[in-house]
Structure formats: C-alpha cells, structure tokens
Protein backbone atom coordinates (compact mmCIF):
# COMPACT_ATOMS: atom_id res chain seq x y z
CA UNK A 1 100.39 38.27 31.44
CA UNK A 2 98.13 38.03 34.52
CA UNK A 3 95.87 40.83 33.23
CA UNK A 4 95.57 39.07 29.87
CA UNK A 5 94.58 35.79 31.61
CA UNK A 6 92.00 37.57 33.74
CA UNK A 7 90.48 39.15 30.61
CA UNK A 8 90.46 35.78 28.79
CA UNK A 9 88.65 34.14 31.70
CA UNK A 10 86.30 37.07 32.35
CA UNK A 11 85.11 37.42 28.76
CA UNK A 12 83.47 33.97 28.55
CA UNK A 13 81.91 34.44 31.98
CA UNK A 14 80.47 37.83 30.98
CA UNK A 15 79.21 36.38 27.70
CA UNK A 16 77.48 33.48 29.48
CA UNK A 17 75.87 35.86 31.97
CA UNK A 18 74.63 38.08 29.12
CA UNK A 19 73.11 35.08 27.30
CA UNK A 20 71.47 33.85 30.50
CA UNK A 21 70.03 37.32 31.22
CA UNK A 22 68.65 37.55 27.67
CA UNK A 23 67.01 34.12 27.90
CA UNK A 24 65.52 35.03 31.28
CA UNK A 25 64.11 38.29 29.90
CA UNK A 26 62.53 36.50 26.92
CA UNK A 27 61.01 33.86 29.24
CA UNK A 28 59.47 36.59 31.37
CA UNK A 29 57.65 38.09 28.37
CA UNK A 30 56.02 34.80 27.34
CA UNK A 31 52.51 34.34 28.73
CA UNK A 32 52.22 31.63 31.35
CA UNK A 33 49.84 29.34 29.52
CA UNK A 34 49.31 27.12 32.58
CA UNK A 35 48.07 30.07 34.62
CA UNK A 36 45.88 31.27 31.74
CA UNK A 37 44.26 27.83 31.46
CA UNK A 38 43.55 27.73 35.19
CA UNK A 39 42.09 31.24 35.20
CA UNK A 40 39.85 30.21 32.28
CA UNK A 41 38.68 27.18 34.25
CA UNK A 42 37.97 29.33 37.31
CA UNK A 43 35.81 31.60 35.13
CA UNK A 44 34.07 28.57 33.61
CA UNK A 45 33.32 27.16 37.08
CA UNK A 46 32.02 30.53 38.28
CA UNK A 47 29.74 30.85 35.22
CA UNK A 48 28.46 27.28 35.69
CA UNK A 49 27.72 28.06 39.32
CA UNK A 50 25.82 31.24 38.32
CA UNK A 51 23.64 29.26 35.93
CA UNK A 52 23.27 26.19 38.14
CA UNK A 53 24.93 24.21 35.33
CA UNK A 54 25.38 20.85 37.03
CA UNK A 55 26.84 19.10 33.97
CA UNK A 56 29.72 21.60 33.69
CA UNK A 57 30.37 21.56 37.45
CA UNK A 58 30.43 17.76 37.29
CA UNK A 59 33.26 17.82 34.71
CA UNK A 60 35.30 20.48 36.53
CA UNK A 61 35.16 18.91 40.00
CA UNK A 62 37.26 15.83 40.75
CA UNK A 63 35.38 12.81 42.08
CA UNK A 64 37.01 13.28 45.50
CA UNK A 65 36.48 17.07 45.52
CA UNK A 66 36.00 18.67 48.94
CA UNK A 67 34.98 22.23 49.76
CA UNK A 68 35.02 24.06 53.08
CA UNK A 69 32.62 27.00 53.19
CA UNK A 70 32.42 30.11 55.37
CA UNK A 71 30.78 28.48 58.39
CA UNK A 72 33.24 25.57 58.40
CA UNK A 73 30.86 23.08 56.78
CA UNK A 74 32.35 20.73 54.22
CA UNK A 75 30.76 19.27 51.12
CA UNK A 76 31.82 16.46 48.82
CA UNK A 77 31.35 16.79 45.07
CA UNK A 78 27.81 15.41 45.17
CA UNK A 79 26.91 17.49 48.23
CA UNK A 80 28.27 20.67 46.65
CA UNK A 81 26.41 20.10 43.39
CA UNK A 82 23.16 19.27 45.21
CA UNK A 83 23.47 22.30 47.48
CA UNK A 84 24.57 24.84 44.88
CA UNK A 85 22.48 23.42 42.06
CA UNK A 86 19.40 24.18 44.19
CA UNK A 87 16.76 25.99 42.16
CA UNK A 88 15.78 28.15 45.16
CA UNK A 89 19.17 29.91 45.01
CA UNK A 90 19.26 32.85 42.60
CA UNK A 91 22.70 34.42 42.16
CA UNK A 92 22.62 38.09 41.14
CA UNK A 93 26.34 38.88 41.51
CA UNK A 94 29.20 36.39 41.44
CA UNK A 95 32.61 37.93 40.90
CA UNK A 96 36.21 37.05 41.60
CA UNK A 97 39.10 39.49 41.98
CA UNK A 98 42.73 39.63 43.11
CA UNK A 99 43.33 36.23 41.47
CA UNK A 100 46.78 34.69 41.77
CA UNK A 101 47.83 31.35 40.31
CA UNK A 102 50.83 29.38 41.48
CA UNK A 103 51.81 26.48 39.23
CA UNK A 104 53.58 23.44 40.71
CA UNK A 105 53.88 20.87 37.93
CA UNK A 106 50.50 19.15 37.59
CA UNK A 107 49.05 21.14 40.48
CA UNK A 108 47.84 24.75 40.55
CA UNK A 109 46.86 26.80 43.58
CA UNK A 110 44.54 29.77 43.05
CA UNK A 111 43.90 32.43 45.67
CA UNK A 112 41.59 35.39 45.41
CA UNK A 113 38.64 37.39 46.64
CA UNK A 114 35.03 36.43 45.97
CA UNK A 115 31.83 38.45 46.15
CA UNK A 116 28.40 36.92 45.80
CA UNK A 117 24.96 38.42 46.24
CA UNK A 118 21.56 36.86 45.64
CA UNK A 119 18.55 35.24 47.24
CA UNK A 120 18.11 31.82 48.79
CA UNK A 121 14.58 30.60 49.42
CA UNK A 122 13.41 34.18 48.89
CA UNK A 123 15.79 35.70 51.46
CA UNK A 124 18.63 38.02 50.40
CA UNK A 125 22.23 37.13 51.17
CA UNK A 126 25.67 38.58 50.42
CA UNK A 127 29.16 37.14 50.92
CA UNK A 128 32.60 38.71 50.62
CA UNK A 129 35.19 35.99 51.02
CA UNK A 130 38.78 34.99 50.41
CA UNK A 131 39.27 31.62 48.74
CA UNK A 132 41.85 29.02 47.83
CA UNK A 133 41.25 26.49 45.05
CA UNK A 134 43.56 23.57 44.28
CA UNK A 135 43.52 22.22 40.71
CA UNK A 136 45.25 19.06 39.52
CA UNK A 137 45.93 17.84 36.01
CA UNK A 138 44.68 14.24 35.99
CA UNK A 139 44.58 12.19 32.80
CA UNK A 140 45.29 15.33 30.71
CA UNK A 141 42.37 17.25 32.21
CA UNK A 142 42.44 19.91 34.91
CA UNK A 143 39.98 19.40 37.79
CA UNK A 144 39.55 21.19 41.08
CA UNK A 145 40.26 18.84 43.99
CA UNK A 146 39.79 21.18 46.96
CA UNK A 147 38.36 24.59 47.72
CA UNK A 148 38.28 26.67 50.88
CA UNK A 149 36.30 29.85 51.52
CA UNK A 150 36.67 32.07 54.55
CA UNK A 151 35.38 35.42 55.68
CA UNK A 152 38.15 38.02 56.10
CA UNK A 153 38.59 39.12 59.72
CA UNK A 154 37.75 42.74 58.81
CA UNK A 155 34.09 41.80 58.31
C-alpha cells in the first residue's frame, strides 16, 4: 500500500515538473523582443551620431540625459548634442561589439565595447572604450537616460 501511495503522489509531481520544463524550454527559444528593440535603438543612436543627425539624437536622449566620457567630463543632453553634432568632427569608424542587454521592467542596461576613429578639427583620433547605457521606457517610448564610457585598463 505504501508503494502505491508513493507512486500516486510521485506521478503528479513528475508530470508537473515535465510541464514546467517544457514551458521553460519553449520560453527560451522565443526571441527577447525587449532586448531586440534596445539593440535596434543602440544602432539607431550610433548611426545618428555618425551622421551628426541632431534630430534623431534629440528623440533618443531623455531630457535629463547625462553622459560621462573617457576623461571624466560629463555632458547634459544639450551639451552632448552640441559637442557631438560639431561639423568639425568627421567619424570614419564607429562600431559597437560584445553587446549585452539586461532588461529590468521599463529599464534596460546595455554594456559593450566601442571603437571610434576619425578626425576632429583636422587632427586624427581613435578610441577603444567600454560603455554602459541605461534606457528607460517613458510614456511608451524608449530613451537613453545615462551613458558612461571608459578606457579599459589594458590601454
């Protein structure tokens, strides 16, 4: 009788575990649309930066956006757009790699590597950085609220 009871109790438990495992496996195969949206916005921001597209940058950056750049300087939204919308800056290479997105409800944190090469006021420059961007979904639109760039210690 005890063996029969153990089997009766074990069968539903095993069935529930199997169903849970199947649902988990199916969930893992679905694309994470939140991450895909954020990666698309990162690419859009990077392309707007390349072109000096102030209008697009203006829509992607939150009004209280703040960025910390390699030398520790910080810029507000208007300061960033004025500085990086400068017509004396010509970007030749602007590429991101090793991108990772972590979704936390209406907030997304992106980390990655960034490489930029170009000229500023006729002088060549090149950066290889690590970055962190924080995006927030406000009023049904994703905007970047903070960004931080730093030079890896190996450089």
